[in-house]
């Protein structure tokens, strides 16, 4: 199992999904939550350019309709979703 520990700070307001995150000391990178479900179970997060995209889930599975919706949103933002790596959960 791998784990990453980082620090996140809101860039502007806590009501806005615009964060700066650091995994390596004083160096921060921008992360933007562009979609989240009402129950905060799933999120679509993008980085500073089209090389960084995450679809996050609190569970090891994700409803297919939500997954497809987030993939479509990512494509609309210009991301090549065919390059995504999917974590396998046993």
PDB file of N, CA and C in Angstrom:
ATOM      1  N   UNK A   1       0.835  -1.157   0.000  1.00  0.00           N
ATOM      2  CA  UNK A   1       0.000   0.000   0.000  1.00  0.00           C
ATOM      3  C   UNK A   1       0.893   1.237   0.000  1.00  0.00           C
ATOM      4  N   UNK A   2       0.466   2.267  -0.732  1.00  0.00           N
ATOM      5  CA  UNK A   2       1.190   3.527  -0.774  1.00  0.00           C
ATOM      6  C   UNK A   2       0.325   4.615  -0.162  1.00  0.00           C
ATOM      7  N   UNK A   3       0.968   5.577   0.440  1.00  0.00           N
ATOM      8  CA  UNK A   3       0.260   6.674   1.060  1.00  0.00           C
ATOM      9  C   UNK A   3       1.019   7.961   0.812  1.00  0.00           C
ATOM     10  N   UNK A   4       0.276   9.030   0.560  1.00  0.00           N
ATOM     11  CA  UNK A   4       0.870  10.353   0.422  1.00  0.00           C
ATOM     12  C   UNK A   4       0.238  11.259   1.462  1.00  0.00           C
ATOM     13  N   UNK A   5       1.061  12.025   2.121  1.00  0.00           N
ATOM     14  CA  UNK A   5       0.564  12.954   3.124  1.00  0.00           C
ATOM     15  C   UNK A   5       0.925  14.360   2.671  1.00  0.00           C
ATOM     16  N   UNK A   6      -0.062  15.228   2.665  1.00  0.00           N
ATOM     17  CA  UNK A   6       0.185  16.594   2.232  1.00  0.00           C
ATOM     18  C   UNK A   6      -0.574  17.584   3.099  1.00  0.00           C
ATOM     19  N   UNK A   7      -0.354  18.850   2.813  1.00  0.00           N
ATOM     20  CA  UNK A   7      -1.057  19.942   3.480  1.00  0.00           C
ATOM     21  C   UNK A   7      -1.815  20.715   2.412  1.00  0.00           C
ATOM     22  N   UNK A   8      -3.053  21.072   2.712  1.00  0.00           N
ATOM     23  CA  UNK A   8      -3.865  21.850   1.777  1.00  0.00           C
ATOM     24  C   UNK A   8      -4.331  23.136   2.451  1.00  0.00           C
ATOM     25  N   UNK A   9      -4.351  24.206   1.667  1.00  0.00           N
ATOM     26  CA  UNK A   9      -4.850  25.499   2.141  1.00  0.00           C
ATOM     27  C   UNK A   9      -5.806  26.046   1.097  1.00  0.00           C
ATOM     28  N   UNK A  10      -6.851  26.714   1.553  1.00  0.00           N
ATOM     29  CA  UNK A  10      -7.752  27.376   0.619  1.00  0.00           C
ATOM     30  C   UNK A  10      -7.041  28.594   0.031  1.00  0.00           C
ATOM     31  N   UNK A  11      -7.201  28.796  -1.261  1.00  0.00           N
ATOM     32  CA  UNK A  11      -6.583  29.951  -1.911  1.00  0.00           C
ATOM     33  C   UNK A  11      -7.370  31.208  -1.576  1.00  0.00           C
ATOM     34  N   UNK A  12      -8.684  31.117  -1.659  1.00  0.00           N
ATOM     35  CA  UNK A  12      -9.530  32.273  -1.358  1.00  0.00           C
ATOM     36  C   UNK A  12     -10.456  31.935  -0.188  1.00  0.00           C
ATOM     37  N   UNK A  13     -11.632  31.441  -0.505  1.00  0.00           N
ATOM     38  CA  UNK A  13     -12.660  31.174   0.482  1.00  0.00           C
ATOM     39  C   UNK A  13     -12.828  29.669   0.706  1.00  0.00           C
ATOM     40  N   UNK A  14     -13.161  29.238   1.920  1.00  0.00           N
ATOM     41  CA  UNK A  14     -13.427  27.815   2.159  1.00  0.00           C
ATOM     42  C   UNK A  14     -14.647  27.300   1.388  1.00  0.00           C
ATOM     43  N   UNK A  15     -15.482  28.181   0.889  1.00  0.00           N
ATOM     44  CA  UNK A  15     -16.635  27.772   0.090  1.00  0.00           C
ATOM     45  C   UNK A  15     -16.274  27.543  -1.370  1.00  0.00           C
ATOM     46  N   UNK A  16     -15.033  27.833  -1.736  1.00  0.00           N
ATOM     47  CA  UNK A  16     -14.565  27.670  -3.112  1.00  0.00           C
ATOM     48  C   UNK A  16     -13.544  26.529  -3.150  1.00  0.00           C
ATOM     49  N   UNK A  17     -13.716  25.608  -4.087  1.00  0.00           N
ATOM     50  CA  UNK A  17     -12.844  24.436  -4.186  1.00  0.00           C
ATOM     51  C   UNK A  17     -11.525  24.720  -4.877  1.00  0.00           C
ATOM     52  N   UNK A  18     -10.895  25.815  -4.506  1.00  0.00           N
ATOM     53  CA  UNK A  18      -9.606  26.194  -5.088  1.00  0.00           C
ATOM     54  C   UNK A  18      -8.561  26.091  -3.968  1.00  0.00           C
ATOM     55  N   UNK A  19      -7.659  25.109  -4.116  1.00  0.00           N
ATOM     56  CA  UNK A  19      -6.705  24.819  -3.055  1.00  0.00           C
ATOM     57  C   UNK A  19      -5.271  24.925  -3.543  1.00  0.00           C
ATOM     58  N   UNK A  20      -4.382  25.137  -2.603  1.00  0.00           N
ATOM     59  CA  UNK A  20      -2.966  24.940  -2.878  1.00  0.00           C
ATOM     60  C   UNK A  20      -2.513  23.837  -1.939  1.00  0.00           C
ATOM     61  N   UNK A  21      -1.798  22.862  -2.496  1.00  0.00           N
ATOM     62  CA  UNK A  21      -1.445  21.653  -1.764  1.00  0.00           C
ATOM     63  C   UNK A  21       0.059  21.438  -1.835  1.00  0.00           C
ATOM     64  N   UNK A  22       0.622  21.007  -0.713  1.00  0.00           N
ATOM     65  CA  UNK A  22       2.051  20.720  -0.655  1.00  0.00           C
ATOM     66  C   UNK A  22       2.274  19.306  -0.145  1.00  0.00           C
ATOM     67  N   UNK A  23       3.102  18.567  -0.864  1.00  0.00           N
ATOM     68  CA  UNK A  23       3.556  17.259  -0.421  1.00  0.00           C
ATOM     69  C   UNK A  23       5.041  17.304  -0.065  1.00  0.00           C
ATOM     70  N   UNK A  24       5.703  18.397  -0.434  1.00  0.00           N
ATOM     71  CA  UNK A  24       7.151  18.493  -0.267  1.00  0.00           C
ATOM     72  C   UNK A  24       7.528  19.842   0.333  1.00  0.00           C
ATOM     73  N   UNK A  25       7.218  20.042   1.594  1.00  0.00           N
ATOM     74  CA  UNK A  25       7.652  21.250   2.284  1.00  0.00           C
ATOM     75  C   UNK A  25       7.024  22.521   1.771  1.00  0.00           C
ATOM     76  N   UNK A  26       7.839  23.512   1.447  1.00  0.00           N
ATOM     77  CA  UNK A  26       7.292  24.830   1.115  1.00  0.00           C
ATOM     78  C   UNK A  26       6.778  24.955  -0.329  1.00  0.00           C
ATOM     79  N   UNK A  27       6.805  23.876  -1.105  1.00  0.00           N
ATOM     80  CA  UNK A  27       6.403  23.947  -2.503  1.00  0.00           C
ATOM     81  C   UNK A  27       4.943  23.552  -2.649  1.00  0.00           C
ATOM     82  N   UNK A  28       4.133  24.458  -3.180  1.00  0.00           N
ATOM     83  CA  UNK A  28       2.694  24.234  -3.327  1.00  0.00           C
ATOM     84  C   UNK A  28       2.305  24.191  -4.791  1.00  0.00           C
ATOM     85  N   UNK A  29       1.258  23.440  -5.088  1.00  0.00           N
ATOM     86  CA  UNK A  29       0.693  23.373  -6.440  1.00  0.00           C
ATOM     87  C   UNK A  29      -0.814  23.593  -6.326  1.00  0.00           C
ATOM     88  N   UNK A  30      -1.398  24.109  -7.395  1.00  0.00           N
ATOM     89  CA  UNK A  30      -2.820  24.390  -7.401  1.00  0.00           C
ATOM     90  C   UNK A  30      -3.662  23.170  -7.735  1.00  0.00           C
ATOM     91  N   UNK A  31      -4.740  22.992  -7.011  1.00  0.00           N
ATOM     92  CA  UNK A  31      -5.713  21.937  -7.244  1.00  0.00           C
ATOM     93  C   UNK A  31      -7.097  22.572  -7.191  1.00  0.00           C
ATOM     94  N   UNK A  32      -7.956  22.214  -8.145  1.00  0.00           N
ATOM     95  CA  UNK A  32      -9.295  22.777  -8.195  1.00  0.00           C
ATOM     96  C   UNK A  32     -10.332  21.672  -8.221  1.00  0.00           C
ATOM     97  N   UNK A  33     -11.264  21.728  -7.281  1.00  0.00           N
ATOM     98  CA  UNK A  33     -12.387  20.796  -7.262  1.00  0.00           C
ATOM     99  C   UNK A  33     -13.422  21.367  -8.230  1.00  0.00           C
ATOM    100  N   UNK A  34     -13.636  20.685  -9.349  1.00  0.00           N
ATOM    101  CA  UNK A  34     -14.552  21.208 -10.368  1.00  0.00           C
ATOM    102  C   UNK A  34     -15.906  20.516 -10.349  1.00  0.00           C
ATOM    103  N   UNK A  35     -16.023  19.398  -9.630  1.00  0.00           N
ATOM    104  CA  UNK A  35     -17.315  18.726  -9.465  1.00  0.00           C
ATOM    105  C   UNK A  35     -17.270  17.919  -8.176  1.00  0.00           C
ATOM    106  N   UNK A  36     -18.377  17.940  -7.465  1.00  0.00           N
ATOM    107  CA  UNK A  36     -18.504  17.141  -6.245  1.00  0.00           C
ATOM    108  C   UNK A  36     -19.984  16.828  -6.058  1.00  0.00           C
ATOM    109  N   UNK A  37     -20.269  15.623  -5.601  1.00  0.00           N
ATOM    110  CA  UNK A  37     -21.674  15.258  -5.427  1.00  0.00           C
ATOM    111  C   UNK A  37     -22.200  15.857  -4.121  1.00  0.00           C
ATOM    112  N   UNK A  38     -23.520  15.952  -3.966  1.00  0.00           N
ATOM    113  CA  UNK A  38     -24.101  16.598  -2.774  1.00  0.00           C
ATOM    114  C   UNK A  38     -23.709  15.941  -1.455  1.00  0.00           C
ATOM    115  N   UNK A  39     -23.382  14.651  -1.469  1.00  0.00           N
ATOM    116  CA  UNK A  39     -23.023  13.946  -0.241  1.00  0.00           C
ATOM    117  C   UNK A  39     -21.511  13.871  -0.011  1.00  0.00           C
ATOM    118  N   UNK A  40     -20.744  14.548  -0.842  1.00  0.00           N
ATOM    119  CA  UNK A  40     -19.279  14.573  -0.729  1.00  0.00           C
ATOM    120  C   UNK A  40     -18.668  13.171  -0.780  1.00  0.00           C
ATOM    121  N   UNK A  41     -19.207  12.315  -1.652  1.00  0.00           N
ATOM    122  CA  UNK A  41     -18.677  10.969  -1.820  1.00  0.00           C
ATOM    123  C   UNK A  41     -17.705  10.884  -2.990  1.00  0.00           C
ATOM    124  N   UNK A  42     -17.912  11.729  -3.997  1.00  0.00           N
ATOM    125  CA  UNK A  42     -17.108  11.698  -5.221  1.00  0.00           C
ATOM    126  C   UNK A  42     -16.692  13.116  -5.589  1.00  0.00           C
ATOM    127  N   UNK A  43     -15.513  13.241  -6.192  1.00  0.00           N
ATOM    128  CA  UNK A  43     -15.050  14.564  -6.614  1.00  0.00           C
ATOM    129  C   UNK A  43     -14.211  14.446  -7.875  1.00  0.00           C
ATOM    130  N   UNK A  44     -14.281  15.471  -8.704  1.00  0.00           N
ATOM    131  CA  UNK A  44     -13.426  15.620  -9.878  1.00  0.00           C
ATOM    132  C   UNK A  44     -12.486  16.771  -9.574  1.00  0.00           C
ATOM    133  N   UNK A  45     -11.181  16.481  -9.571  1.00  0.00           N
ATOM    134  CA  UNK A  45     -10.161  17.460  -9.194  1.00  0.00           C
ATOM    135  C   UNK A  45      -9.168  17.599 -10.339  1.00  0.00           C
ATOM    136  N   UNK A  46      -8.837  18.851 -10.681  1.00  0.00           N
ATOM    137  CA  UNK A  46      -7.862  19.099 -11.742  1.00  0.00           C
ATOM    138  C   UNK A  46      -6.677  19.871 -11.175  1.00  0.00           C
ATOM    139  N   UNK A  47      -5.553  19.735 -11.854  1.00  0.00           N
ATOM    140  CA  UNK A  47      -4.336  20.423 -11.452  1.00  0.00           C
ATOM    141  C   UNK A  47      -4.097  21.664 -12.286  1.00  0.00           C
ATOM    142  N   UNK A  48      -2.850  22.092 -12.328  1.00  0.00           N
ATOM    143  CA  UNK A  48      -2.510  23.358 -12.984  1.00  0.00           C
ATOM    144  C   UNK A  48      -2.495  23.268 -14.504  1.00  0.00           C
ATOM    145  N   UNK A  49      -2.460  22.057 -15.042  1.00  0.00           N
ATOM    146  CA  UNK A  49      -2.502  21.908 -16.496  1.00  0.00           C
ATOM    147  C   UNK A  49      -3.192  20.590 -16.838  1.00  0.00           C
ATOM    148  N   UNK A  50      -3.253  20.260 -18.109  1.00  0.00           N
ATOM    149  CA  UNK A  50      -3.987  19.072 -18.546  1.00  0.00           C
ATOM    150  C   UNK A  50      -3.264  17.748 -18.252  1.00  0.00           C
ATOM    151  N   UNK A  51      -2.183  17.784 -17.495  1.00  0.00           N
ATOM    152  CA  UNK A  51      -1.489  16.560 -17.094  1.00  0.00           C
ATOM    153  C   UNK A  51      -1.971  16.027 -15.748  1.00  0.00           C
ATOM    154  N   UNK A  52      -2.842  16.768 -15.072  1.00  0.00           N
ATOM    155  CA  UNK A  52      -3.248  16.405 -13.726  1.00  0.00           C
ATOM    156  C   UNK A  52      -4.760  16.383 -13.604  1.00  0.00           C
ATOM    157  N   UNK A  53      -5.293  15.199 -13.304  1.00  0.00           N
ATOM    158  CA  UNK A  53      -6.733  15.001 -13.172  1.00  0.00           C
ATOM    159  C   UNK A  53      -6.959  13.810 -12.249  1.00  0.00           C
ATOM    160  N   UNK A  54      -7.886  13.964 -11.312  1.00  0.00           N
ATOM    161  CA  UNK A  54      -8.231  12.871 -10.406  1.00  0.00           C
ATOM    162  C   UNK A  54      -9.742  12.764 -10.304  1.00  0.00           C
ATOM    163  N   UNK A  55     -10.221  11.538 -10.290  1.00  0.00           N
ATOM    164  CA  UNK A  55     -11.603  11.265  -9.920  1.00  0.00           C
ATOM    165  C   UNK A  55     -11.508  10.514  -8.594  1.00  0.00           C
ATOM    166  N   UNK A  56     -12.031  11.133  -7.550  1.00  0.00           N
ATOM    167  CA  UNK A  56     -11.869  10.593  -6.201  1.00  0.00           C
ATOM    168  C   UNK A  56     -13.181  10.021  -5.682  1.00  0.00           C
ATOM    169  N   UNK A  57     -13.082   8.949  -4.910  1.00  0.00           N
ATOM    170  CA  UNK A  57     -14.240   8.311  -4.316  1.00  0.00           C
ATOM    171  C   UNK A  57     -13.904   7.905  -2.888  1.00  0.00           C
ATOM    172  N   UNK A  58     -14.842   8.056  -1.997  1.00  0.00           N
ATOM    173  CA  UNK A  58     -14.635   7.616  -0.619  1.00  0.00           C
ATOM    174  C   UNK A  58     -14.757   6.100  -0.497  1.00  0.00           C
ATOM    175  N   UNK A  59     -15.334   5.473  -1.504  1.00  0.00           N
ATOM    176  CA  UNK A  59     -15.497   4.019  -1.516  1.00  0.00           C
ATOM    177  C   UNK A  59     -14.590   3.426  -2.596  1.00  0.00           C
ATOM    178  N   UNK A  60     -14.416   2.111  -2.577  1.00  0.00           N
ATOM    179  CA  UNK A  60     -13.574   1.461  -3.578  1.00  0.00           C
ATOM    180  C   UNK A  60     -14.284   1.303  -4.913  1.00  0.00           C
ATOM    181  N   UNK A  61     -15.580   1.557  -4.929  1.00  0.00           N
ATOM    182  CA  UNK A  61     -16.332   1.512  -6.185  1.00  0.00           C
ATOM    183  C   UNK A  61     -17.038   2.840  -6.390  1.00  0.00           C
ATOM    184  N   UNK A  62     -17.420   3.076  -7.644  1.00  0.00           N
ATOM    185  CA  UNK A  62     -18.106   4.311  -7.986  1.00  0.00           C
ATOM    186  C   UNK A  62     -19.254   3.959  -8.913  1.00  0.00           C
ATOM    187  N   UNK A  63     -20.399   4.563  -8.693  1.00  0.00           N
ATOM    188  CA  UNK A  63     -21.526   4.334  -9.590  1.00  0.00           C
ATOM    189  C   UNK A  63     -21.126   4.711 -11.009  1.00  0.00           C
ATOM    190  N   UNK A  64     -21.449   3.858 -11.960  1.00  0.00           N
ATOM    191  CA  UNK A  64     -21.024   4.061 -13.351  1.00  0.00           C
ATOM    192  C   UNK A  64     -21.548   5.370 -13.934  1.00  0.00           C
ATOM    193  N   UNK A  65     -22.772   5.759 -13.605  1.00  0.00           N
ATOM    194  CA  UNK A  65     -23.311   7.004 -14.159  1.00  0.00           C
ATOM    195  C   UNK A  65     -22.554   8.227 -13.642  1.00  0.00           C
ATOM    196  N   UNK A  66     -22.109   8.186 -12.385  1.00  0.00           N
ATOM    197  CA  UNK A  66     -21.320   9.299 -11.842  1.00  0.00           C
ATOM    198  C   UNK A  66     -19.946   9.316 -12.497  1.00  0.00           C
ATOM    199  N   UNK A  67     -19.344   8.154 -12.629  1.00  0.00           N
ATOM    200  CA  UNK A  67     -18.035   8.057 -13.290  1.00  0.00           C
ATOM    201  C   UNK A  67     -18.104   8.623 -14.707  1.00  0.00           C
ATOM    202  N   UNK A  68     -19.114   8.233 -15.462  1.00  0.00           N
ATOM    203  CA  UNK A  68     -19.244   8.714 -16.842  1.00  0.00           C
ATOM    204  C   UNK A  68     -19.512  10.215 -16.884  1.00  0.00           C
ATOM    205  N   UNK A  69     -20.288  10.726 -15.935  1.00  0.00           N
ATOM    206  CA  UNK A  69     -20.551  12.158 -15.863  1.00  0.00           C
ATOM    207  C   UNK A  69     -19.258  12.930 -15.620  1.00  0.00           C
ATOM    208  N   UNK A  70     -18.434  12.453 -14.686  1.00  0.00           N
ATOM    209  CA  UNK A  70     -17.168  13.123 -14.387  1.00  0.00           C
ATOM    210  C   UNK A  70     -16.188  13.020 -15.561  1.00  0.00           C
ATOM    211  N   UNK A  71     -16.181  11.872 -16.233  1.00  0.00           N
ATOM    212  CA  UNK A  71     -15.327  11.735 -17.416  1.00  0.00           C
ATOM    213  C   UNK A  71     -15.752  12.715 -18.500  1.00  0.00           C
ATOM    214  N   UNK A  72     -17.050  12.870 -18.686  1.00  0.00           N
ATOM    215  CA  UNK A  72     -17.546  13.813 -19.693  1.00  0.00           C
ATOM    216  C   UNK A  72     -17.156  15.246 -19.331  1.00  0.00           C
ATOM    217  N   UNK A  73     -17.287  15.618 -18.066  1.00  0.00           N
ATOM    218  CA  UNK A  73     -16.889  16.960 -17.624  1.00  0.00           C
ATOM    219  C   UNK A  73     -15.399  17.185 -17.876  1.00  0.00           C
ATOM    220  N   UNK A  74     -14.596  16.168 -17.605  1.00  0.00           N
ATOM    221  CA  UNK A  74     -13.152  16.281 -17.831  1.00  0.00           C
ATOM    222  C   UNK A  74     -12.855  16.481 -19.311  1.00  0.00           C
ATOM    223  N   UNK A  75     -13.530  15.727 -20.172  1.00  0.00           N
ATOM    224  CA  UNK A  75     -13.324  15.893 -21.622  1.00  0.00           C
ATOM    225  C   UNK A  75     -13.738  17.293 -22.071  1.00  0.00           C
ATOM    226  N   UNK A  76     -14.830  17.799 -21.523  1.00  0.00           N
ATOM    227  CA  UNK A  76     -15.282  19.154 -21.863  1.00  0.00           C
ATOM    228  C   UNK A  76     -14.253  20.205 -21.452  1.00  0.00           C
ATOM    229  N   UNK A  77     -13.479  19.910 -20.414  1.00  0.00           N
ATOM    230  CA  UNK A  77     -12.420  20.824 -19.962  1.00  0.00           C
ATOM    231  C   UNK A  77     -11.116  20.636 -20.739  1.00  0.00           C
ATOM    232  N   UNK A  78     -11.109  19.683 -21.696  1.00  0.00           N
ATOM    233  CA  UNK A  78      -9.938  19.490 -22.543  1.00  0.00           C
ATOM    234  C   UNK A  78      -9.005  18.372 -22.124  1.00  0.00           C
ATOM    235  N   UNK A  79      -9.419  17.523 -21.177  1.00  0.00           N
ATOM    236  CA  UNK A  79      -8.573  16.426 -20.714  1.00  0.00           C
ATOM    237  C   UNK A  79      -8.739  15.201 -21.606  1.00  0.00           C
ATOM    238  N   UNK A  80      -7.637  14.506 -21.838  1.00  0.00           N
ATOM    239  CA  UNK A  80      -7.647  13.240 -22.571  1.00  0.00           C
ATOM    240  C   UNK A  80      -7.862  12.138 -21.542  1.00  0.00           C
ATOM    241  N   UNK A  81      -9.107  11.720 -21.356  1.00  0.00           N
ATOM    242  CA  UNK A  81      -9.428  10.751 -20.317  1.00  0.00           C
ATOM    243  C   UNK A  81      -8.948   9.339 -20.642  1.00  0.00           C
ATOM    244  N   UNK A  82      -8.515   9.113 -21.880  1.00  0.00           N
ATOM    245  CA  UNK A  82      -7.987   7.784 -22.213  1.00  0.00           C
ATOM    246  C   UNK A  82      -6.642   7.530 -21.526  1.00  0.00           C
ATOM    247  N   UNK A  83      -6.010   8.573 -21.006  1.00  0.00           N
ATOM    248  CA  UNK A  83      -4.720   8.434 -20.329  1.00  0.00           C
ATOM    249  C   UNK A  83      -4.852   8.188 -18.829  1.00  0.00           C
ATOM    250  N   UNK A  84      -6.090   8.163 -18.315  1.00  0.00           N
ATOM    251  CA  UNK A  84      -6.267   7.965 -16.889  1.00  0.00           C
ATOM    252  C   UNK A  84      -5.829   6.569 -16.465  1.00  0.00           C
ATOM    253  N   UNK A  85      -5.236   6.501 -15.284  1.00  0.00           N
ATOM    254  CA  UNK A  85      -4.862   5.234 -14.671  1.00  0.00           C
ATOM    255  C   UNK A  85      -5.898   4.937 -13.587  1.00  0.00           C
ATOM    256  N   UNK A  86      -6.434   3.739 -13.610  1.00  0.00           N
ATOM    257  CA  UNK A  86      -7.482   3.367 -12.660  1.00  0.00           C
ATOM    258  C   UNK A  86      -6.900   2.449 -11.583  1.00  0.00           C
ATOM    259  N   UNK A  87      -7.072   2.816 -10.338  1.00  0.00           N
ATOM    260  CA  UNK A  87      -6.601   2.002  -9.227  1.00  0.00           C
ATOM    261  C   UNK A  87      -7.480   0.781  -9.077  1.00  0.00           C
ATOM    262  N   UNK A  88      -6.856  -0.373  -8.947  1.00  0.00           N
ATOM    263  CA  UNK A  88      -7.579  -1.617  -8.721  1.00  0.00           C
ATOM    264  C   UNK A  88      -7.658  -1.880  -7.219  1.00  0.00           C
ATOM    265  N   UNK A  89      -8.864  -2.114  -6.730  1.00  0.00           N
ATOM    266  CA  UNK A  89      -9.068  -2.424  -5.318  1.00  0.00           C
ATOM    267  C   UNK A  89      -9.471  -3.877  -5.193  1.00  0.00           C
ATOM    268  N   UNK A  90      -8.813  -4.591  -4.313  1.00  0.00           N
ATOM    269  CA  UNK A  90      -9.135  -5.992  -4.071  1.00  0.00           C
ATOM    270  C   UNK A  90     -10.026  -6.139  -2.843  1.00  0.00           C
TER     271      UNK A  90
END
